[in-house]
Amino acid sequence: MNQSPQIAVEPLTRTPGMYREWYFFKNGDRIEIWSENTFLFAARVDDRTDDGEVLWVIEEKTGMRRLFLRSDKVTLYPDYAFHTPSFPGP
């Protein structure tokens, strides 16, 4: 019986506090939303305030628009799997 080789993929390291400022996210950027080291969902940035204190995203799976405040207990990371133009790959 012929078996395909297993491919080991090293997970992307998520450094705490890595993306504290949201003002550099741009409309259309694909991001991941995490809370307390738990992945919640992938989304696209829909809009944000100039100071980055308020961010609107569109969930990838549901198409639901969601609002996040900088004071919310979430961390947003660039979605490197899709190599968005605003963020170079790791």
PDB file of N, CA and C in Angstrom:
ATOM      1  N   MET A   1       0.841  -1.171   0.000  1.00  0.00           N
ATOM      2  CA  MET A   1       0.000   0.000   0.000  1.00  0.00           C
ATOM      3  C   MET A   1       0.892   1.242   0.000  1.00  0.00           C
ATOM      4  N   ASN A   2       0.627   2.168  -0.906  1.00  0.00           N
ATOM      5  CA  ASN A   2       1.406   3.382  -1.045  1.00  0.00           C
ATOM      6  C   ASN A   2       0.813   4.491  -0.187  1.00  0.00           C
ATOM      7  N   GLN A   3       1.600   5.069   0.694  1.00  0.00           N
ATOM      8  CA  GLN A   3       1.114   6.149   1.547  1.00  0.00           C
ATOM      9  C   GLN A   3       1.798   7.453   1.175  1.00  0.00           C
ATOM     10  N   SER A   4       1.016   8.523   1.175  1.00  0.00           N
ATOM     11  CA  SER A   4       1.588   9.840   0.913  1.00  0.00           C
ATOM     12  C   SER A   4       2.414  10.275   2.116  1.00  0.00           C
ATOM     13  N   PRO A   5       3.540  10.942   1.868  1.00  0.00           N
ATOM     14  CA  PRO A   5       4.330  11.425   3.010  1.00  0.00           C
ATOM     15  C   PRO A   5       3.577  12.500   3.777  1.00  0.00           C
ATOM     16  N   GLN A   6       3.745  12.503   5.073  1.00  0.00           N
ATOM     17  CA  GLN A   6       3.140  13.525   5.919  1.00  0.00           C
ATOM     18  C   GLN A   6       3.982  14.795   5.820  1.00  0.00           C
ATOM     19  N   ILE A   7       3.319  15.916   5.700  1.00  0.00           N
ATOM     20  CA  ILE A   7       4.022  17.193   5.638  1.00  0.00           C
ATOM     21  C   ILE A   7       3.861  17.878   6.990  1.00  0.00           C
ATOM     22  N   ALA A   8       4.972  18.165   7.617  1.00  0.00           N
ATOM     23  CA  ALA A   8       4.937  18.850   8.914  1.00  0.00           C
ATOM     24  C   ALA A   8       4.927  20.353   8.657  1.00  0.00           C
ATOM     25  N   VAL A   9       3.962  21.017   9.233  1.00  0.00           N
ATOM     26  CA  VAL A   9       3.866  22.465   9.095  1.00  0.00           C
ATOM     27  C   VAL A   9       4.063  23.085  10.459  1.00  0.00           C
ATOM     28  N   GLU A  10       5.044  23.950  10.537  1.00  0.00           N
ATOM     29  CA  GLU A  10       5.312  24.637  11.798  1.00  0.00           C
ATOM     30  C   GLU A  10       4.304  25.761  11.970  1.00  0.00           C
ATOM     31  N   PRO A  11       3.602  25.818  13.094  1.00  0.00           N
ATOM     32  CA  PRO A  11       2.624  26.896  13.289  1.00  0.00           C
ATOM     33  C   PRO A  11       3.301  28.248  13.412  1.00  0.00           C
ATOM     34  N   LEU A  12       2.612  29.276  12.943  1.00  0.00           N
ATOM     35  CA  LEU A  12       3.119  30.639  13.060  1.00  0.00           C
ATOM     36  C   LEU A  12       3.125  31.039  14.522  1.00  0.00           C
ATOM     37  N   THR A  13       4.238  31.538  14.992  1.00  0.00           N
ATOM     38  CA  THR A  13       4.330  31.956  16.383  1.00  0.00           C
ATOM     39  C   THR A  13       3.560  33.246  16.580  1.00  0.00           C
ATOM     40  N   ARG A  14       2.693  33.259  17.559  1.00  0.00           N
ATOM     41  CA  ARG A  14       1.898  34.442  17.878  1.00  0.00           C
ATOM     42  C   ARG A  14       2.455  35.049  19.153  1.00  0.00           C
ATOM     43  N   THR A  15       3.267  36.083  19.014  1.00  0.00           N
ATOM     44  CA  THR A  15       3.874  36.733  20.161  1.00  0.00           C
ATOM     45  C   THR A  15       2.852  37.632  20.846  1.00  0.00           C
ATOM     46  N   PRO A  16       2.646  37.463  22.153  1.00  0.00           N
ATOM     47  CA  PRO A  16       1.700  38.346  22.854  1.00  0.00           C
ATOM     48  C   PRO A  16       2.076  39.809  22.655  1.00  0.00           C
ATOM     49  N   GLY A  17       1.067  40.622  22.382  1.00  0.00           N
ATOM     50  CA  GLY A  17       1.305  42.043  22.204  1.00  0.00           C
ATOM     51  C   GLY A  17       1.910  42.420  20.875  1.00  0.00           C
ATOM     52  N   MET A  18       2.006  41.446  19.972  1.00  0.00           N
ATOM     53  CA  MET A  18       2.651  41.660  18.692  1.00  0.00           C
ATOM     54  C   MET A  18       1.976  42.759  17.857  1.00  0.00           C
ATOM     55  N   TYR A  19       0.658  42.857  17.939  1.00  0.00           N
ATOM     56  CA  TYR A  19      -0.097  43.814  17.132  1.00  0.00           C
ATOM     57  C   TYR A  19      -0.993  44.649  18.025  1.00  0.00           C
ATOM     58  N   ARG A  20      -0.389  45.500  18.815  1.00  0.00           N
ATOM     59  CA  ARG A  20      -1.131  46.339  19.758  1.00  0.00           C
ATOM     60  C   ARG A  20      -1.825  47.505  19.055  1.00  0.00           C
ATOM     61  N   GLU A  21      -1.242  48.004  17.994  1.00  0.00           N
ATOM     62  CA  GLU A  21      -1.798  49.167  17.295  1.00  0.00           C
ATOM     63  C   GLU A  21      -2.611  48.692  16.092  1.00  0.00           C
ATOM     64  N   TRP A  22      -3.816  49.220  15.947  1.00  0.00           N
ATOM     65  CA  TRP A  22      -4.691  48.801  14.848  1.00  0.00           C
ATOM     66  C   TRP A  22      -4.691  49.787  13.699  1.00  0.00           C
ATOM     67  N   TYR A  23      -4.066  50.966  13.862  1.00  0.00           N
ATOM     68  CA  TYR A  23      -4.143  51.983  12.823  1.00  0.00           C
ATOM     69  C   TYR A  23      -3.455  51.560  11.526  1.00  0.00           C
ATOM     70  N   PHE A  24      -2.571  50.562  11.563  1.00  0.00           N
ATOM     71  CA  PHE A  24      -1.883  50.149  10.343  1.00  0.00           C
ATOM     72  C   PHE A  24      -2.683  49.141   9.523  1.00  0.00           C
ATOM     73  N   PHE A  25      -3.796  48.606  10.062  1.00  0.00           N
ATOM     74  CA  PHE A  25      -4.649  47.735   9.262  1.00  0.00           C
ATOM     75  C   PHE A  25      -5.371  48.583   8.222  1.00  0.00           C
ATOM     76  N   LYS A  26      -5.495  48.053   7.014  1.00  0.00           N
ATOM     77  CA  LYS A  26      -6.134  48.790   5.931  1.00  0.00           C
ATOM     78  C   LYS A  26      -7.357  48.027   5.432  1.00  0.00           C
ATOM     79  N   ASN A  27      -8.291  48.752   4.835  1.00  0.00           N
ATOM     80  CA  ASN A  27      -9.483  48.116   4.279  1.00  0.00           C
ATOM     81  C   ASN A  27      -9.082  46.991   3.330  1.00  0.00           C
ATOM     82  N   GLY A  28      -9.727  45.845   3.500  1.00  0.00           N
ATOM     83  CA  GLY A  28      -9.443  44.693   2.649  1.00  0.00           C
ATOM     84  C   GLY A  28      -8.416  43.738   3.218  1.00  0.00           C
ATOM     85  N   ASP A  29      -7.647  44.163   4.224  1.00  0.00           N
ATOM     86  CA  ASP A  29      -6.657  43.258   4.828  1.00  0.00           C
ATOM     87  C   ASP A  29      -7.366  42.066   5.450  1.00  0.00           C
ATOM     88  N   ARG A  30      -6.809  40.894   5.234  1.00  0.00           N
ATOM     89  CA  ARG A  30      -7.329  39.691   5.888  1.00  0.00           C
ATOM     90  C   ARG A  30      -6.631  39.566   7.233  1.00  0.00           C
ATOM     91  N   ILE A  31      -7.429  39.316   8.269  1.00  0.00           N
ATOM     92  CA  ILE A  31      -6.894  39.232   9.627  1.00  0.00           C
ATOM     93  C   ILE A  31      -7.498  38.040  10.346  1.00  0.00           C
ATOM     94  N   GLU A  32      -6.859  37.679  11.442  1.00  0.00           N
ATOM     95  CA  GLU A  32      -7.379  36.666  12.359  1.00  0.00           C
ATOM     96  C   GLU A  32      -7.711  37.363  13.661  1.00  0.00           C
ATOM     97  N   ILE A  33      -8.848  36.996  14.245  1.00  0.00           N
ATOM     98  CA  ILE A  33      -9.258  37.551  15.529  1.00  0.00           C
ATOM     99  C   ILE A  33      -9.075  36.462  16.580  1.00  0.00           C
ATOM    100  N   TRP A  34      -8.318  36.786  17.624  1.00  0.00           N
ATOM    101  CA  TRP A  34      -8.011  35.856  18.709  1.00  0.00           C
ATOM    102  C   TRP A  34      -8.439  36.482  20.023  1.00  0.00           C
ATOM    103  N   SER A  35      -8.815  35.626  20.983  1.00  0.00           N
ATOM    104  CA  SER A  35      -9.124  36.078  22.337  1.00  0.00           C
ATOM    105  C   SER A  35      -8.576  35.051  23.314  1.00  0.00           C
ATOM    106  N   GLU A  36      -7.751  35.522  24.224  1.00  0.00           N
ATOM    107  CA  GLU A  36      -7.139  34.656  25.231  1.00  0.00           C
ATOM    108  C   GLU A  36      -6.537  33.401  24.611  1.00  0.00           C
ATOM    109  N   ASN A  37      -5.696  33.588  23.599  1.00  0.00           N
ATOM    110  CA  ASN A  37      -4.988  32.514  22.904  1.00  0.00           C
ATOM    111  C   ASN A  37      -5.909  31.532  22.191  1.00  0.00           C
ATOM    112  N   THR A  38      -7.121  31.949  21.884  1.00  0.00           N
ATOM    113  CA  THR A  38      -8.069  31.107  21.159  1.00  0.00           C
ATOM    114  C   THR A  38      -8.462  31.807  19.865  1.00  0.00           C
ATOM    115  N   PHE A  39      -8.316  31.091  18.752  1.00  0.00           N
ATOM    116  CA  PHE A  39      -8.713  31.627  17.461  1.00  0.00           C
ATOM    117  C   PHE A  39     -10.231  31.721  17.407  1.00  0.00           C
ATOM    118  N   LEU A  40     -10.766  32.888  17.057  1.00  0.00           N
ATOM    119  CA  LEU A  40     -12.207  33.069  16.954  1.00  0.00           C
ATOM    120  C   LEU A  40     -12.685  32.939  15.511  1.00  0.00           C
ATOM    121  N   PHE A  41     -12.106  33.751  14.615  1.00  0.00           N
ATOM    122  CA  PHE A  41     -12.487  33.666  13.205  1.00  0.00           C
ATOM    123  C   PHE A  41     -11.549  34.511  12.347  1.00  0.00           C
ATOM    124  N   ALA A  42     -11.601  34.253  11.032  1.00  0.00           N
ATOM    125  CA  ALA A  42     -10.872  35.060  10.058  1.00  0.00           C
ATOM    126  C   ALA A  42     -11.837  36.091   9.497  1.00  0.00           C
ATOM    127  N   ALA A  43     -11.296  37.236   9.108  1.00  0.00           N
ATOM    128  CA  ALA A  43     -12.144  38.320   8.622  1.00  0.00           C
ATOM    129  C   ALA A  43     -11.345  39.221   7.688  1.00  0.00           C
ATOM    130  N   ARG A  44     -12.086  40.147   7.070  1.00  0.00           N
ATOM    131  CA  ARG A  44     -11.471  41.214   6.287  1.00  0.00           C
ATOM    132  C   ARG A  44     -11.795  42.538   6.959  1.00  0.00           C
ATOM    133  N   VAL A  45     -10.807  43.423   6.986  1.00  0.00           N
ATOM    134  CA  VAL A  45     -11.045  44.756   7.540  1.00  0.00           C
ATOM    135  C   VAL A  45     -11.992  45.479   6.586  1.00  0.00           C
ATOM    136  N   ASP A  46     -13.080  46.009   7.148  1.00  0.00           N
ATOM    137  CA  ASP A  46     -14.062  46.748   6.355  1.00  0.00           C
ATOM    138  C   ASP A  46     -13.841  48.251   6.489  1.00  0.00           C
ATOM    139  N   ASP A  47     -13.517  48.699   7.692  1.00  0.00           N
ATOM    140  CA  ASP A  47     -13.280  50.122   7.925  1.00  0.00           C
ATOM    141  C   ASP A  47     -12.637  50.280   9.302  1.00  0.00           C
ATOM    142  N   ARG A  48     -12.071  51.444   9.554  1.00  0.00           N
ATOM    143  CA  ARG A  48     -11.511  51.738  10.873  1.00  0.00           C
ATOM    144  C   ARG A  48     -11.444  53.235  11.046  1.00  0.00           C
ATOM    145  N   THR A  49     -11.349  53.656  12.293  1.00  0.00           N
ATOM    146  CA  THR A  49     -11.142  55.074  12.552  1.00  0.00           C
ATOM    147  C   THR A  49      -9.678  55.408  12.294  1.00  0.00           C
ATOM    148  N   ASP A  50      -9.400  56.673  12.052  1.00  0.00           N
ATOM    149  CA  ASP A  50      -8.021  57.090  11.747  1.00  0.00           C
ATOM    150  C   ASP A  50      -7.047  56.748  12.869  1.00  0.00           C
ATOM    151  N   ASP A  51      -7.519  56.828  14.113  1.00  0.00           N
ATOM    152  CA  ASP A  51      -6.628  56.536  15.241  1.00  0.00           C
ATOM    153  C   ASP A  51      -6.527  55.046  15.547  1.00  0.00           C
ATOM    154  N   GLY A  52      -7.312  54.216  14.843  1.00  0.00           N
ATOM    155  CA  GLY A  52      -7.240  52.770  15.053  1.00  0.00           C
ATOM    156  C   GLY A  52      -7.928  52.290  16.306  1.00  0.00           C
ATOM    157  N   GLU A  53      -8.731  53.118  16.928  1.00  0.00           N
ATOM    158  CA  GLU A  53      -9.420  52.724  18.158  1.00  0.00           C
ATOM    159  C   GLU A  53     -10.690  51.919  17.895  1.00  0.00           C
ATOM    160  N   VAL A  54     -11.247  52.035  16.701  1.00  0.00           N
ATOM    161  CA  VAL A  54     -12.469  51.319  16.321  1.00  0.00           C
ATOM    162  C   VAL A  54     -12.219  50.648  14.978  1.00  0.00           C
ATOM    163  N   LEU A  55     -12.585  49.370  14.881  1.00  0.00           N
ATOM    164  CA  LEU A  55     -12.350  48.608  13.657  1.00  0.00           C
ATOM    165  C   LEU A  55     -13.595  47.808  13.323  1.00  0.00           C
ATOM    166  N   TRP A  56     -14.013  47.860  12.048  1.00  0.00           N
ATOM    167  CA  TRP A  56     -15.116  47.040  11.571  1.00  0.00           C
ATOM    168  C   TRP A  56     -14.535  45.959  10.675  1.00  0.00           C
ATOM    169  N   VAL A  57     -15.009  44.739  10.850  1.00  0.00           N
ATOM    170  CA  VAL A  57     -14.551  43.620  10.027  1.00  0.00           C
ATOM    171  C   VAL A  57     -15.753  42.873   9.464  1.00  0.00           C
ATOM    172  N   ILE A  58     -15.513  42.135   8.394  1.00  0.00           N
ATOM    173  CA  ILE A  58     -16.511  41.240   7.822  1.00  0.00           C
ATOM    174  C   ILE A  58     -15.992  39.821   8.025  1.00  0.00           C
ATOM    175  N   GLU A  59     -16.743  39.009   8.778  1.00  0.00           N
ATOM    176  CA  GLU A  59     -16.349  37.616   9.006  1.00  0.00           C
ATOM    177  C   GLU A  59     -16.306  36.864   7.693  1.00  0.00           C
ATOM    178  N   GLU A  60     -15.252  36.068   7.493  1.00  0.00           N
ATOM    179  CA  GLU A  60     -15.097  35.302   6.257  1.00  0.00           C
ATOM    180  C   GLU A  60     -16.225  34.289   6.052  1.00  0.00           C
ATOM    181  N   LYS A  61     -16.559  33.529   7.067  1.00  0.00           N
ATOM    182  CA  LYS A  61     -17.537  32.442   6.897  1.00  0.00           C
ATOM    183  C   LYS A  61     -18.982  32.918   6.843  1.00  0.00           C
ATOM    184  N   THR A  62     -19.327  33.924   7.636  1.00  0.00           N
ATOM    185  CA  THR A  62     -20.727  34.316   7.749  1.00  0.00           C
ATOM    186  C   THR A  62     -21.082  35.579   6.969  1.00  0.00           C
ATOM    187  N   GLY A  63     -20.080  36.397   6.644  1.00  0.00           N
ATOM    188  CA  GLY A  63     -20.343  37.669   5.991  1.00  0.00           C
ATOM    189  C   GLY A  63     -20.871  38.723   6.952  1.00  0.00           C
ATOM    190  N   MET A  64     -20.905  38.386   8.246  1.00  0.00           N
ATOM    191  CA  MET A  64     -21.417  39.306   9.260  1.00  0.00           C
ATOM    192  C   MET A  64     -20.411  40.432   9.511  1.00  0.00           C
ATOM    193  N   ARG A  65     -20.922  41.659   9.587  1.00  0.00           N
ATOM    194  CA  ARG A  65     -20.070  42.811   9.917  1.00  0.00           C
ATOM    195  C   ARG A  65     -20.023  42.943  11.426  1.00  0.00           C
ATOM    196  N   ARG A  66     -18.803  43.081  11.965  1.00  0.00           N
ATOM    197  CA  ARG A  66     -18.631  43.170  13.419  1.00  0.00           C
ATOM    198  C   ARG A  66     -17.763  44.371  13.760  1.00  0.00           C
ATOM    199  N   LEU A  67     -18.051  44.942  14.899  1.00  0.00           N
ATOM    200  CA  LEU A  67     -17.337  46.114  15.390  1.00  0.00           C
ATOM    201  C   LEU A  67     -16.476  45.712  16.580  1.00  0.00           C
ATOM    202  N   PHE A  68     -15.232  46.175  16.589  1.00  0.00           N
ATOM    203  CA  PHE A  68     -14.351  45.954  17.731  1.00  0.00           C
ATOM    204  C   PHE A  68     -13.808  47.292  18.201  1.00  0.00           C
ATOM    205  N   LEU A  69     -13.749  47.448  19.497  1.00  0.00           N
ATOM    206  CA  LEU A  69     -13.120  48.604  20.116  1.00  0.00           C
ATOM    207  C   LEU A  69     -11.743  48.189  20.595  1.00  0.00           C
ATOM    208  N   ARG A  70     -10.834  49.116  20.608  1.00  0.00           N
ATOM    209  CA  ARG A  70      -9.463  48.834  21.034  1.00  0.00           C
ATOM    210  C   ARG A  70      -9.445  48.265  22.457  1.00  0.00           C
ATOM    211  N   SER A  71     -10.426  48.633  23.257  1.00  0.00           N
ATOM    212  CA  SER A  71     -10.488  48.168  24.645  1.00  0.00           C
ATOM    213  C   SER A  71     -11.045  46.738  24.770  1.00  0.00           C
ATOM    214  N   ASP A  72     -11.561  46.169  23.668  1.00  0.00           N
ATOM    215  CA  ASP A  72     -12.059  44.782  23.720  1.00  0.00           C
ATOM    216  C   ASP A  72     -10.903  43.825  23.980  1.00  0.00           C
ATOM    217  N   LYS A  73     -11.208  42.708  24.564  1.00  0.00           N
ATOM    218  CA  LYS A  73     -10.172  41.723  24.899  1.00  0.00           C
ATOM    219  C   LYS A  73      -9.916  40.780  23.723  1.00  0.00           C
ATOM    220  N   VAL A  74      -9.511  41.367  22.596  1.00  0.00           N
ATOM    221  CA  VAL A  74      -9.157  40.587  21.413  1.00  0.00           C
ATOM    222  C   VAL A  74      -7.812  41.056  20.895  1.00  0.00           C
ATOM    223  N   THR A  75      -7.155  40.183  20.161  1.00  0.00           N
ATOM    224  CA  THR A  75      -5.914  40.518  19.480  1.00  0.00           C
ATOM    225  C   THR A  75      -6.120  40.217  18.010  1.00  0.00           C
ATOM    226  N   LEU A  76      -5.731  41.140  17.160  1.00  0.00           N
ATOM    227  CA  LEU A  76      -5.872  40.973  15.722  1.00  0.00           C
ATOM    228  C   LEU A  76      -4.500  40.732  15.118  1.00  0.00           C
ATOM    229  N   TYR A  77      -4.414  39.732  14.259  1.00  0.00           N
ATOM    230  CA  TYR A  77      -3.160  39.406  13.587  1.00  0.00           C
ATOM    231  C   TYR A  77      -3.366  39.439  12.080  1.00  0.00           C
ATOM    232  N   PRO A  78      -2.364  39.871  11.330  1.00  0.00           N
ATOM    233  CA  PRO A  78      -2.446  39.730   9.875  1.00  0.00           C
ATOM    234  C   PRO A  78      -2.577  38.250   9.544  1.00  0.00           C
ATOM    235  N   ASP A  79      -3.364  37.926   8.548  1.00  0.00           N
ATOM    236  CA  ASP A  79      -3.538  36.534   8.129  1.00  0.00           C
ATOM    237  C   ASP A  79      -2.459  36.216   7.102  1.00  0.00           C
ATOM    238  N   TYR A  80      -1.298  35.771   7.580  1.00  0.00           N
ATOM    239  CA  TYR A  80      -0.157  35.517   6.713  1.00  0.00           C
ATOM    240  C   TYR A  80      -0.403  34.408   5.706  1.00  0.00           C
ATOM    241  N   ALA A  81      -1.370  33.566   5.944  1.00  0.00           N
ATOM    242  CA  ALA A  81      -1.642  32.468   5.016  1.00  0.00           C
ATOM    243  C   ALA A  81      -2.048  33.007   3.650  1.00  0.00           C
ATOM    244  N   PHE A  82      -2.570  34.231   3.622  1.00  0.00           N
ATOM    245  CA  PHE A  82      -3.033  34.798   2.365  1.00  0.00           C
ATOM    246  C   PHE A  82      -2.123  35.904   1.848  1.00  0.00           C
ATOM    247  N   HIS A  83      -1.063  36.237   2.585  1.00  0.00           N
ATOM    248  CA  HIS A  83      -0.072  37.236   2.177  1.00  0.00           C
ATOM    249  C   HIS A  83      -0.735  38.501   1.642  1.00  0.00           C
ATOM    250  N   THR A  84      -1.473  39.177   2.491  1.00  0.00           N
ATOM    251  CA  THR A  84      -2.152  40.402   2.091  1.00  0.00           C
ATOM    252  C   THR A  84      -1.124  41.457   1.717  1.00  0.00           C
ATOM    253  N   PRO A  85      -1.475  42.371   0.822  1.00  0.00           N
ATOM    254  CA  PRO A  85      -0.509  43.365   0.368  1.00  0.00           C
ATOM    255  C   PRO A  85       0.075  44.239   1.486  1.00  0.00           C
ATOM    256  N   SER A  86      -0.685  44.499   2.527  1.00  0.00           N
ATOM    257  CA  SER A  86      -0.203  45.384   3.582  1.00  0.00           C
ATOM    258  C   SER A  86       0.809  44.708   4.503  1.00  0.00           C
ATOM    259  N   PHE A  87       0.876  43.392   4.486  1.00  0.00           N
ATOM    260  CA  PHE A  87       1.742  42.678   5.417  1.00  0.00           C
ATOM    261  C   PHE A  87       2.599  41.681   4.662  1.00  0.00           C
ATOM    262  N   PRO A  88       3.907  41.820   4.733  1.00  0.00           N
ATOM    263  CA  PRO A  88       4.782  40.836   4.082  1.00  0.00           C
ATOM    264  C   PRO A  88       4.691  39.506   4.810  1.00  0.00           C
ATOM    265  N   GLY A  89       5.012  38.451   4.125  1.00  0.00           N
ATOM    266  CA  GLY A  89       5.008  37.118   4.746  1.00  0.00           C
ATOM    267  C   GLY A  89       6.015  37.036   5.853  1.00  0.00           C
ATOM    268  N   PRO A  90       5.902  36.022   6.705  1.00  0.00           N
ATOM    269  CA  PRO A  90       6.818  35.901   7.856  1.00  0.00           C
ATOM    270  C   PRO A  90       8.247  35.670   7.440  1.00  0.00           C
TER     271      PRO A  90
END
